[in-house]
Amino acid sequence: MKLKSMKIDHQPKLMIIPMIDIIFFLLVFFMMSMLTMVVQKSVPIQLPQAATSKVSLDEVLPITVASDGTIYLEKK
């Protein structure tokens, strides 16, 4: 008569679904953190303060003069 061994041989189960969830979470986390680190490239200007505002229907071309004398026409 053969007796069963008392040793339990269980193979560890690899749960793939939680691993996929964690990888997607890390991917989204790093993508969102990289978006906040992107530097917005624009021309630094100081806008004048106004007490009231009025809507103008005329077409306006934005012209900016920087402090070093450089003239920008629509950021060019």
Protein backbone atom coordinates (compact mmCIF):
# COMPACT_ATOMS: atom_id res chain seq x y z
CA MET A 1 0.00 0.00 0.00
CA LYS A 2 1.41 3.37 -1.06
CA LEU A 3 1.06 6.23 1.40
CA LYS A 4 0.59 9.84 0.30
CA SER A 5 3.34 12.21 1.18
CA MET A 6 2.42 14.92 3.68
CA LYS A 7 4.45 17.44 1.71
CA ILE A 8 2.23 19.91 -0.15
CA ASP A 9 3.49 20.90 -3.56
CA HIS A 10 1.51 23.92 -4.67
CA GLN A 11 2.76 25.97 -7.54
CA PRO A 12 2.38 29.71 -6.95
CA LYS A 13 -0.28 31.23 -9.16
CA LEU A 14 0.70 34.25 -11.21
CA MET A 15 -2.20 36.68 -11.28
CA ILE A 16 -1.82 38.65 -14.52
CA ILE A 17 -4.91 40.93 -14.26
CA PRO A 18 -3.69 42.88 -11.16
CA MET A 19 -0.28 43.25 -12.80
CA ILE A 20 -1.88 44.74 -15.92
CA ASP A 21 -3.87 47.15 -13.73
CA ILE A 22 -0.72 48.28 -11.95
CA ILE A 23 1.17 48.78 -15.22
CA PHE A 24 -1.66 50.87 -16.70
CA PHE A 25 -1.85 52.92 -13.51
CA LEU A 26 1.90 53.61 -13.67
CA LEU A 27 1.66 54.48 -17.35
CA VAL A 28 -1.14 57.00 -16.75
CA PHE A 29 0.65 58.42 -13.69
CA PHE A 30 3.86 59.07 -15.60
CA MET A 31 2.02 60.47 -18.63
CA MET A 32 0.10 62.94 -16.45
CA SER A 33 3.22 63.93 -14.51
CA MET A 34 5.12 64.57 -17.77
CA LEU A 35 2.31 66.87 -18.99
CA THR A 36 2.80 69.11 -15.97
CA MET A 37 6.56 69.29 -16.63
CA VAL A 38 6.18 70.61 -20.19
CA VAL A 39 7.24 74.23 -20.40
CA GLN A 40 4.79 76.46 -22.22
CA LYS A 41 6.75 78.45 -24.79
CA SER A 42 5.30 81.92 -25.14
CA VAL A 43 6.45 85.49 -25.27
CA PRO A 44 6.54 87.05 -21.78
CA ILE A 45 4.64 90.36 -21.74
CA GLN A 46 3.18 92.60 -19.07
CA LEU A 47 -0.46 93.46 -19.75
CA PRO A 48 -1.90 96.78 -18.62
CA GLN A 49 -4.60 96.80 -15.95
CA ALA A 50 -8.07 98.07 -16.89
CA ALA A 51 -10.91 99.23 -14.68
CA THR A 52 -13.61 98.37 -17.25
CA SER A 53 -13.68 96.36 -20.43
CA LYS A 54 -15.33 97.09 -23.78
CA VAL A 55 -15.88 94.68 -26.68
CA SER A 56 -14.18 95.75 -29.88
CA LEU A 57 -15.44 94.36 -33.19
CA ASP A 58 -12.41 95.52 -35.19
CA GLU A 59 -9.83 92.98 -36.34
CA VAL A 60 -6.68 93.36 -34.30
CA LEU A 61 -3.14 92.23 -35.11
CA PRO A 62 -1.21 91.58 -31.90
CA ILE A 63 2.14 93.39 -31.86
CA THR A 64 4.48 92.89 -28.90
CA VAL A 65 7.63 94.85 -28.12
CA ALA A 66 9.92 93.06 -25.66
CA SER A 67 12.12 94.87 -23.15
CA ASP A 68 15.20 94.27 -25.31
CA GLY A 69 13.59 96.01 -28.32
CA THR A 70 12.52 92.88 -30.23
CA ILE A 71 9.24 93.30 -32.09
CA TYR A 72 6.85 90.31 -32.37
CA LEU A 73 3.92 90.16 -34.80
CA GLU A 74 1.60 87.29 -33.81
CA LYS A 75 4.46 85.52 -31.89
CA LYS A 76 6.79 85.67 -34.93
